[in-house]
Amino acid sequence: MASGSDTSIIIPCKNESGNLISLVESIALILKANDEIIIVEGNSTDSTFFEAKSLESRFPKQVRALKQSKKGKFNAVLTGVSYSKCSTIMIWDADATVNFQQNYEVYSHTTSNNVLISGDRLHGVRDKGSMQIANLCGNWFFAILWTGILKQSPVDLLCGTKKFPRLLLEKTPKWLIDLDPFGDFTIFSMAKKEKMSIISIPVHYHARSYGKTNISRWSDGLKLLWITLIIYIRFYLKKFK
């Protein structure tokens, strides 16, 4: 049962055993009393779920470890939301490219039922090797493309650091959940539909030190383009509901 303005930090993860422990330890050290960490593992081939369960044992009042019900990052997020007890949801990627303590402002920023807070790698510091040129161009492409829907200056839609009211996902229609396996465009389009303010906070983006991305640059890029097209058409025809 959601309550107050407490925050559930959901960490979707796949093959992130080398990053998960240090990330959760850094969050647990400064987590507010009534907040929680929900780790949702999906289809890993390494020891990610074992590490998640060990963290749950170490921090029983703060951490919960789950396996997602299906596939895809957004399903992992929704699985975490279904077990969360807080009114505010925060997504934090397990790859440790955005350091929690270094970017504490995203977590601590005041939110409400009318605000979506998103990390922004495009306007923040990017370490050498943190983002390949093709990825940078692709992220800017979608940031500019989505200005037509959001009606504001370009924001980094694909950053895995977001904070928003739980109610946003509870209102999301099934067709949109089924359309978007990643969840980023769903969250932004629902924020637009609900007339929420979108606050973009620059983050320091680091290169990966373990593992590799679970996103395919070209095939998933085409999926993102298709999702954008469908959402554009729905908004244009006033059938986004």
C-alpha atoms as a PDB file:
ATOM      1  CA  MET A   1       0.000   0.000   0.000  1.00  0.00           C
ATOM      2  CA  ALA A   2       1.470   3.333  -1.063  1.00  0.00           C
ATOM      3  CA  SER A   3       1.791   5.918   1.661  1.00  0.00           C
ATOM      4  CA  GLY A   4       2.958   9.507   2.129  1.00  0.00           C
ATOM      5  CA  SER A   5       5.813  10.828   0.003  1.00  0.00           C
ATOM      6  CA  ASP A   6       8.122   7.873   0.626  1.00  0.00           C
ATOM      7  CA  THR A   7      10.139   6.540  -2.295  1.00  0.00           C
ATOM      8  CA  SER A   8      10.568   3.048  -3.710  1.00  0.00           C
ATOM      9  CA  ILE A   9      13.870   2.868  -5.596  1.00  0.00           C
ATOM     10  CA  ILE A  10      13.460   0.162  -8.219  1.00  0.00           C
ATOM     11  CA  ILE A  11      16.631  -1.330  -9.684  1.00  0.00           C
ATOM     12  CA  PRO A  12      15.981  -3.463 -12.783  1.00  0.00           C
ATOM     13  CA  CYS A  13      19.001  -5.636 -13.492  1.00  0.00           C
ATOM     14  CA  LYS A  14      20.284  -8.329 -15.817  1.00  0.00           C
ATOM     15  CA  ASN A  15      23.871  -9.621 -15.656  1.00  0.00           C
ATOM     16  CA  GLU A  16      24.965  -6.846 -13.279  1.00  0.00           C
ATOM     17  CA  SER A  17      26.549  -8.863 -10.459  1.00  0.00           C
ATOM     18  CA  GLY A  18      29.746  -6.806 -10.674  1.00  0.00           C
ATOM     19  CA  ASN A  19      27.872  -3.529 -10.162  1.00  0.00           C
ATOM     20  CA  LEU A  20      24.914  -4.360  -7.930  1.00  0.00           C
ATOM     21  CA  ILE A  21      26.556  -4.664  -4.519  1.00  0.00           C
ATOM     22  CA  SER A  22      28.415  -1.338  -4.584  1.00  0.00           C
ATOM     23  CA  LEU A  23      25.343   0.462  -5.967  1.00  0.00           C
ATOM     24  CA  VAL A  24      22.951  -0.842  -3.312  1.00  0.00           C
ATOM     25  CA  GLU A  25      25.471  -0.258  -0.528  1.00  0.00           C
ATOM     26  CA  SER A  26      25.842   3.382  -1.625  1.00  0.00           C
ATOM     27  CA  ILE A  27      22.067   3.854  -1.625  1.00  0.00           C
ATOM     28  CA  ALA A  28      21.443   2.054   1.678  1.00  0.00           C
ATOM     29  CA  LEU A  29      23.940   4.304   3.468  1.00  0.00           C
ATOM     30  CA  ILE A  30      21.898   7.440   2.826  1.00  0.00           C
ATOM     31  CA  LEU A  31      18.390   6.070   2.255  1.00  0.00           C
ATOM     32  CA  LYS A  32      15.653   7.895   4.147  1.00  0.00           C
ATOM     33  CA  ALA A  33      13.957   5.969   6.921  1.00  0.00           C
ATOM     34  CA  ASN A  34      10.737   4.973   5.171  1.00  0.00           C
ATOM     35  CA  ASP A  35      12.145   4.513   1.669  1.00  0.00           C
ATOM     36  CA  GLU A  36      12.936   1.123   0.161  1.00  0.00           C
ATOM     37  CA  ILE A  37      15.090  -0.533  -2.494  1.00  0.00           C
ATOM     38  CA  ILE A  38      13.480  -3.132  -4.747  1.00  0.00           C
ATOM     39  CA  ILE A  39      15.905  -5.112  -6.902  1.00  0.00           C
ATOM     40  CA  VAL A  40      14.214  -6.848  -9.825  1.00  0.00           C
ATOM     41  CA  GLU A  41      16.363  -9.386 -11.663  1.00  0.00           C
ATOM     42  CA  GLY A  42      15.498 -10.847 -15.028  1.00  0.00           C
ATOM     43  CA  ASN A  43      17.029 -13.771 -16.920  1.00  0.00           C
ATOM     44  CA  SER A  44      20.652 -13.230 -15.837  1.00  0.00           C
ATOM     45  CA  THR A  45      23.366 -15.720 -16.746  1.00  0.00           C
ATOM     46  CA  ASP A  46      25.693 -14.529 -13.969  1.00  0.00           C
ATOM     47  CA  SER A  47      25.192 -14.373 -10.182  1.00  0.00           C
ATOM     48  CA  THR A  48      23.045 -11.212 -10.172  1.00  0.00           C
ATOM     49  CA  PHE A  49      20.076 -12.787  -8.372  1.00  0.00           C
ATOM     50  CA  PHE A  50      22.349 -14.435  -5.791  1.00  0.00           C
ATOM     51  CA  GLU A  51      23.903 -11.022  -5.070  1.00  0.00           C
ATOM     52  CA  ALA A  52      20.437  -9.457  -4.868  1.00  0.00           C
ATOM     53  CA  LYS A  53      19.301 -12.027  -2.287  1.00  0.00           C
ATOM     54  CA  SER A  54      22.490 -11.524  -0.272  1.00  0.00           C
ATOM     55  CA  LEU A  55      21.796  -7.777  -0.188  1.00  0.00           C
ATOM     56  CA  GLU A  56      18.240  -8.504   0.965  1.00  0.00           C
ATOM     57  CA  SER A  57      19.695 -10.557   3.844  1.00  0.00           C
ATOM     58  CA  ARG A  58      22.143  -7.816   4.772  1.00  0.00           C
ATOM     59  CA  PHE A  59      19.562  -5.007   4.637  1.00  0.00           C
ATOM     60  CA  PRO A  60      16.260  -6.746   5.514  1.00  0.00           C
ATOM     61  CA  LYS A  61      14.456  -3.507   6.403  1.00  0.00           C
ATOM     62  CA  GLN A  62      15.540  -1.675   3.268  1.00  0.00           C
ATOM     63  CA  VAL A  63      16.037  -4.158   0.425  1.00  0.00           C
ATOM     64  CA  ARG A  64      13.784  -6.616  -1.340  1.00  0.00           C
ATOM     65  CA  ALA A  65      14.969  -8.909  -4.149  1.00  0.00           C
ATOM     66  CA  LEU A  66      12.547 -10.162  -6.795  1.00  0.00           C
ATOM     67  CA  LYS A  67      12.558 -11.961 -10.123  1.00  0.00           C
ATOM     68  CA  GLN A  68      10.571 -10.278 -12.871  1.00  0.00           C
ATOM     69  CA  SER A  69       7.551 -12.080 -14.259  1.00  0.00           C
ATOM     70  CA  LYS A  70       8.296 -11.683 -17.982  1.00  0.00           C
ATOM     71  CA  LYS A  71      11.000 -10.058 -20.148  1.00  0.00           C
ATOM     72  CA  GLY A  72      12.064  -6.468 -20.760  1.00  0.00           C
ATOM     73  CA  LYS A  73      13.156  -3.604 -18.527  1.00  0.00           C
ATOM     74  CA  PHE A  74       9.683  -2.098 -18.250  1.00  0.00           C
ATOM     75  CA  ASN A  75       8.262  -5.396 -17.015  1.00  0.00           C
ATOM     76  CA  ALA A  76      10.968  -5.410 -14.333  1.00  0.00           C
ATOM     77  CA  VAL A  77       9.932  -1.901 -13.287  1.00  0.00           C
ATOM     78  CA  LEU A  78       6.242  -2.843 -13.197  1.00  0.00           C
ATOM     79  CA  THR A  79       7.061  -5.965 -11.175  1.00  0.00           C
ATOM     80  CA  GLY A  80       8.833  -3.764  -8.637  1.00  0.00           C
ATOM     81  CA  VAL A  81       5.950  -1.302  -8.544  1.00  0.00           C
ATOM     82  CA  SER A  82       3.492  -4.115  -7.833  1.00  0.00           C
ATOM     83  CA  TYR A  83       5.448  -4.930  -4.639  1.00  0.00           C
ATOM     84  CA  SER A  84       6.274  -1.371  -3.611  1.00  0.00           C
ATOM     85  CA  LYS A  85       4.652   0.335  -0.648  1.00  0.00           C
ATOM     86  CA  CYS A  86       5.498   3.950  -1.473  1.00  0.00           C
ATOM     87  CA  SER A  87       3.697   6.726  -3.341  1.00  0.00           C
ATOM     88  CA  THR A  88       6.806   7.829  -5.259  1.00  0.00           C
ATOM     89  CA  ILE A  89       8.707   5.571  -7.656  1.00  0.00           C
ATOM     90  CA  MET A  90      12.328   6.009  -8.625  1.00  0.00           C
ATOM     91  CA  ILE A  91      14.144   3.986 -11.295  1.00  0.00           C
ATOM     92  CA  TRP A  92      17.909   3.625 -11.000  1.00  0.00           C
ATOM     93  CA  ASP A  93      19.863   1.509 -13.487  1.00  0.00           C
ATOM     94  CA  ALA A  94      22.085  -1.207 -12.024  1.00  0.00           C
ATOM     95  CA  ASP A  95      25.005  -0.563 -14.383  1.00  0.00           C
ATOM     96  CA  ALA A  96      26.583   1.998 -12.007  1.00  0.00           C
ATOM     97  CA  THR A  97      27.102   4.529 -14.809  1.00  0.00           C
ATOM     98  CA  VAL A  98      25.217   7.084 -12.707  1.00  0.00           C
ATOM     99  CA  ASN A  99      26.680   7.177  -9.201  1.00  0.00           C
ATOM    100  CA  PHE A 100      23.939   7.542  -6.578  1.00  0.00           C
ATOM    101  CA  GLN A 101      25.782   9.695  -4.079  1.00  0.00           C
ATOM    102  CA  GLN A 102      27.314  11.868  -6.779  1.00  0.00           C
ATOM    103  CA  ASN A 103      23.853  12.518  -8.243  1.00  0.00           C
ATOM    104  CA  TYR A 104      21.957  12.644  -4.954  1.00  0.00           C
ATOM    105  CA  GLU A 105      19.989  15.680  -6.156  1.00  0.00           C
ATOM    106  CA  VAL A 106      17.808  13.512  -8.393  1.00  0.00           C
ATOM    107  CA  TYR A 107      16.771  11.396  -5.403  1.00  0.00           C
ATOM    108  CA  SER A 108      16.395  14.282  -2.951  1.00  0.00           C
ATOM    109  CA  HIS A 109      14.551  16.637  -5.306  1.00  0.00           C
ATOM    110  CA  THR A 110      11.042  17.366  -4.078  1.00  0.00           C
ATOM    111  CA  THR A 111       8.375  15.713  -6.176  1.00  0.00           C
ATOM    112  CA  SER A 112       4.594  15.656  -6.186  1.00  0.00           C
ATOM    113  CA  ASN A 113       1.705  14.222  -8.184  1.00  0.00           C
ATOM    114  CA  ASN A 114       2.439  16.805 -10.888  1.00  0.00           C
ATOM    115  CA  VAL A 115       6.184  16.325 -11.451  1.00  0.00           C
ATOM    116  CA  LEU A 116       8.410  13.927 -13.382  1.00  0.00           C
ATOM    117  CA  ILE A 117      12.102  14.244 -12.554  1.00  0.00           C
ATOM    118  CA  SER A 118      14.557  12.799 -15.058  1.00  0.00           C
ATOM    119  CA  GLY A 119      18.312  12.478 -15.110  1.00  0.00           C
ATOM    120  CA  ASP A 120      19.959  14.100 -18.119  1.00  0.00           C
ATOM    121  CA  ARG A 121      23.213  12.710 -19.521  1.00  0.00           C
ATOM    122  CA  LEU A 122      23.125  14.957 -22.584  1.00  0.00           C
ATOM    123  CA  HIS A 123      23.576  18.168 -20.597  1.00  0.00           C
ATOM    124  CA  GLY A 124      25.669  16.629 -17.816  1.00  0.00           C
ATOM    125  CA  VAL A 125      29.295  15.500 -17.561  1.00  0.00           C
ATOM    126  CA  ARG A 126      30.115  12.422 -19.640  1.00  0.00           C
ATOM    127  CA  ASP A 127      33.330  10.577 -18.898  1.00  0.00           C
ATOM    128  CA  LYS A 128      35.484   9.345 -21.761  1.00  0.00           C
ATOM    129  CA  GLY A 129      34.103   6.069 -23.077  1.00  0.00           C
ATOM    130  CA  SER A 130      30.781   6.393 -21.285  1.00  0.00           C
ATOM    131  CA  MET A 131      28.744   6.863 -24.481  1.00  0.00           C
ATOM    132  CA  GLN A 132      29.710   5.991 -28.028  1.00  0.00           C
ATOM    133  CA  ILE A 133      29.181   8.591 -30.758  1.00  0.00           C
ATOM    134  CA  ALA A 134      26.354   6.574 -32.363  1.00  0.00           C
ATOM    135  CA  ASN A 135      24.550   6.336 -29.016  1.00  0.00           C
ATOM    136  CA  LEU A 136      25.056  10.034 -28.313  1.00  0.00           C
ATOM    137  CA  CYS A 137      23.639  10.953 -31.721  1.00  0.00           C
ATOM    138  CA  GLY A 138      20.722   8.562 -31.206  1.00  0.00           C
ATOM    139  CA  ASN A 139      19.902   9.999 -27.792  1.00  0.00           C
ATOM    140  CA  TRP A 140      19.973  13.539 -29.175  1.00  0.00           C
ATOM    141  CA  PHE A 141      17.832  12.420 -32.130  1.00  0.00           C
ATOM    142  CA  PHE A 142      15.075  11.140 -29.846  1.00  0.00           C
ATOM    143  CA  ALA A 143      15.419  14.121 -27.502  1.00  0.00           C
ATOM    144  CA  ILE A 144      14.786  16.502 -30.422  1.00  0.00           C
ATOM    145  CA  LEU A 145      12.121  14.292 -32.011  1.00  0.00           C
ATOM    146  CA  TRP A 146      10.126  14.219 -28.783  1.00  0.00           C
ATOM    147  CA  THR A 147       9.986  18.002 -28.492  1.00  0.00           C
ATOM    148  CA  GLY A 148       6.989  17.734 -30.819  1.00  0.00           C
ATOM    149  CA  ILE A 149       5.115  15.743 -28.173  1.00  0.00           C
ATOM    150  CA  LEU A 150       6.452  17.272 -24.979  1.00  0.00           C
ATOM    151  CA  LYS A 151       6.396  20.895 -26.223  1.00  0.00           C
ATOM    152  CA  GLN A 152       9.584  21.821 -24.363  1.00  0.00           C
ATOM    153  CA  SER A 153      13.321  21.940 -24.944  1.00  0.00           C
ATOM    154  CA  PRO A 154      15.066  18.598 -25.596  1.00  0.00           C
ATOM    155  CA  VAL A 155      15.460  16.248 -22.628  1.00  0.00           C
ATOM    156  CA  ASP A 156      17.288  12.944 -22.266  1.00  0.00           C
ATOM    157  CA  LEU A 157      14.354  10.536 -22.403  1.00  0.00           C
ATOM    158  CA  LEU A 158      16.499   7.390 -22.329  1.00  0.00           C
ATOM    159  CA  CYS A 159      18.438   8.058 -19.126  1.00  0.00           C
ATOM    160  CA  GLY A 160      17.722   5.255 -16.645  1.00  0.00           C
ATOM    161  CA  THR A 161      17.326   7.651 -13.716  1.00  0.00           C
ATOM    162  CA  LYS A 162      13.761   8.834 -13.162  1.00  0.00           C
ATOM    163  CA  LYS A 163      11.504   9.802 -10.268  1.00  0.00           C
ATOM    164  CA  PHE A 164       7.731  10.201 -10.517  1.00  0.00           C
ATOM    165  CA  PRO A 165       4.449   9.557  -8.681  1.00  0.00           C
ATOM    166  CA  ARG A 166       3.334   5.932  -8.580  1.00  0.00           C
ATOM    167  CA  LEU A 167      -0.056   7.092  -9.845  1.00  0.00           C
ATOM    168  CA  LEU A 168       1.509   7.744 -13.255  1.00  0.00           C
ATOM    169  CA  LEU A 169       2.000   4.039 -13.930  1.00  0.00           C
ATOM    170  CA  GLU A 170      -1.298   3.059 -12.376  1.00  0.00           C
ATOM    171  CA  LYS A 171      -3.019   5.175 -15.041  1.00  0.00           C
ATOM    172  CA  THR A 172      -1.003   3.754 -17.955  1.00  0.00           C
ATOM    173  CA  PRO A 173      -3.210   1.960 -20.526  1.00  0.00           C
ATOM    174  CA  LYS A 174      -2.467  -1.664 -21.414  1.00  0.00           C
ATOM    175  CA  TRP A 175      -1.837  -0.875 -25.098  1.00  0.00           C
ATOM    176  CA  LEU A 176       1.054   1.400 -24.130  1.00  0.00           C
ATOM    177  CA  ILE A 177       2.558  -1.116 -21.694  1.00  0.00           C
ATOM    178  CA  ASP A 178       2.379  -3.784 -24.405  1.00  0.00           C
ATOM    179  CA  LEU A 179       3.924  -1.422 -26.977  1.00  0.00           C
ATOM    180  CA  ASP A 180       6.955  -0.273 -24.997  1.00  0.00           C
ATOM    181  CA  PRO A 181       9.316  -2.915 -23.503  1.00  0.00           C
ATOM    182  CA  PHE A 182      11.707  -0.224 -22.268  1.00  0.00           C
ATOM    183  CA  GLY A 183       9.287   2.102 -20.451  1.00  0.00           C
ATOM    184  CA  ASP A 184      11.062   5.431 -21.015  1.00  0.00           C
ATOM    185  CA  PHE A 185       8.705   6.751 -23.675  1.00  0.00           C
ATOM    186  CA  THR A 186       5.703   5.447 -21.745  1.00  0.00           C
ATOM    187  CA  ILE A 187       6.682   7.448 -18.683  1.00  0.00           C
ATOM    188  CA  PHE A 188       7.244  10.662 -20.651  1.00  0.00           C
ATOM    189  CA  SER A 189       4.095  10.333 -22.756  1.00  0.00           C
ATOM    190  CA  MET A 190       1.979   9.655 -19.662  1.00  0.00           C
ATOM    191  CA  ALA A 191       3.536  12.690 -17.965  1.00  0.00           C
ATOM    192  CA  LYS A 192       2.503  14.764 -20.985  1.00  0.00           C
ATOM    193  CA  LYS A 193      -1.009  13.280 -20.965  1.00  0.00           C
ATOM    194  CA  GLU A 194      -1.397  14.045 -17.257  1.00  0.00           C
ATOM    195  CA  LYS A 195      -0.047  17.597 -17.789  1.00  0.00           C
ATOM    196  CA  MET A 196       2.851  17.069 -15.409  1.00  0.00           C
ATOM    197  CA  SER A 197       5.904  19.287 -15.172  1.00  0.00           C
ATOM    198  CA  ILE A 198       9.083  17.621 -16.436  1.00  0.00           C
ATOM    199  CA  ILE A 199      12.238  18.587 -14.570  1.00  0.00           C
ATOM    200  CA  SER A 200      15.518  17.556 -16.175  1.00  0.00           C
ATOM    201  CA  ILE A 201      18.566  17.313 -13.882  1.00  0.00           C
ATOM    202  CA  PRO A 202      22.047  16.893 -15.448  1.00  0.00           C
ATOM    203  CA  VAL A 203      23.899  13.828 -14.154  1.00  0.00           C
ATOM    204  CA  HIS A 204      27.530  12.717 -14.256  1.00  0.00           C
ATOM    205  CA  TYR A 205      27.703   9.736 -16.590  1.00  0.00           C
ATOM    206  CA  HIS A 206      30.498   7.202 -16.105  1.00  0.00           C
ATOM    207  CA  ALA A 207      31.815   4.443 -18.347  1.00  0.00           C
ATOM    208  CA  ARG A 208      30.841   0.902 -17.435  1.00  0.00           C
ATOM    209  CA  SER A 209      33.384  -0.976 -15.329  1.00  0.00           C
ATOM    210  CA  TYR A 210      31.648  -4.372 -15.527  1.00  0.00           C
ATOM    211  CA  GLY A 211      29.479  -6.174 -18.070  1.00  0.00           C
ATOM    212  CA  LYS A 212      27.895  -4.776 -21.185  1.00  0.00           C
ATOM    213  CA  THR A 213      24.716  -2.977 -22.112  1.00  0.00           C
ATOM    214  CA  ASN A 214      21.517  -4.987 -22.490  1.00  0.00           C
ATOM    215  CA  ILE A 215      20.351  -2.669 -25.283  1.00  0.00           C
ATOM    216  CA  SER A 216      21.001  -3.364 -28.961  1.00  0.00           C
ATOM    217  CA  ARG A 217      21.982  -0.067 -30.580  1.00  0.00           C
ATOM    218  CA  TRP A 218      20.365  -0.661 -33.970  1.00  0.00           C
ATOM    219  CA  SER A 219      17.484  -3.126 -33.511  1.00  0.00           C
ATOM    220  CA  ASP A 220      16.290  -1.523 -30.274  1.00  0.00           C
ATOM    221  CA  GLY A 221      16.800   1.907 -31.839  1.00  0.00           C
ATOM    222  CA  LEU A 222      14.335   0.934 -34.562  1.00  0.00           C
ATOM    223  CA  LYS A 223      11.887  -0.292 -31.909  1.00  0.00           C
ATOM    224  CA  LEU A 224      12.159   3.062 -30.151  1.00  0.00           C
ATOM    225  CA  LEU A 225      11.463   4.837 -33.446  1.00  0.00           C
ATOM    226  CA  TRP A 226       8.382   2.663 -34.009  1.00  0.00           C
ATOM    227  CA  ILE A 227       7.113   3.345 -30.474  1.00  0.00           C
ATOM    228  CA  THR A 228       7.592   7.079 -31.038  1.00  0.00           C
ATOM    229  CA  LEU A 229       5.650   6.922 -34.310  1.00  0.00           C
ATOM    230  CA  ILE A 230       2.683   5.162 -32.685  1.00  0.00           C
ATOM    231  CA  ILE A 231       2.614   7.627 -29.787  1.00  0.00           C
ATOM    232  CA  TYR A 232       2.873  10.580 -32.202  1.00  0.00           C
ATOM    233  CA  ILE A 233      -0.095   9.276 -34.196  1.00  0.00           C
ATOM    234  CA  ARG A 234      -2.150   8.695 -31.029  1.00  0.00           C
ATOM    235  CA  PHE A 235      -1.479  12.241 -29.801  1.00  0.00           C
ATOM    236  CA  TYR A 236      -2.161  13.726 -33.251  1.00  0.00           C
ATOM    237  CA  LEU A 237      -5.470  11.878 -33.580  1.00  0.00           C
ATOM    238  CA  LYS A 238      -6.329  12.684 -29.962  1.00  0.00           C
ATOM    239  CA  LYS A 239      -6.636   8.973 -29.238  1.00  0.00           C
ATOM    240  CA  PHE A 240      -3.979   8.783 -26.556  1.00  0.00           C
ATOM    241  CA  LYS A 241      -6.084   7.304 -23.774  1.00  0.00           C
END
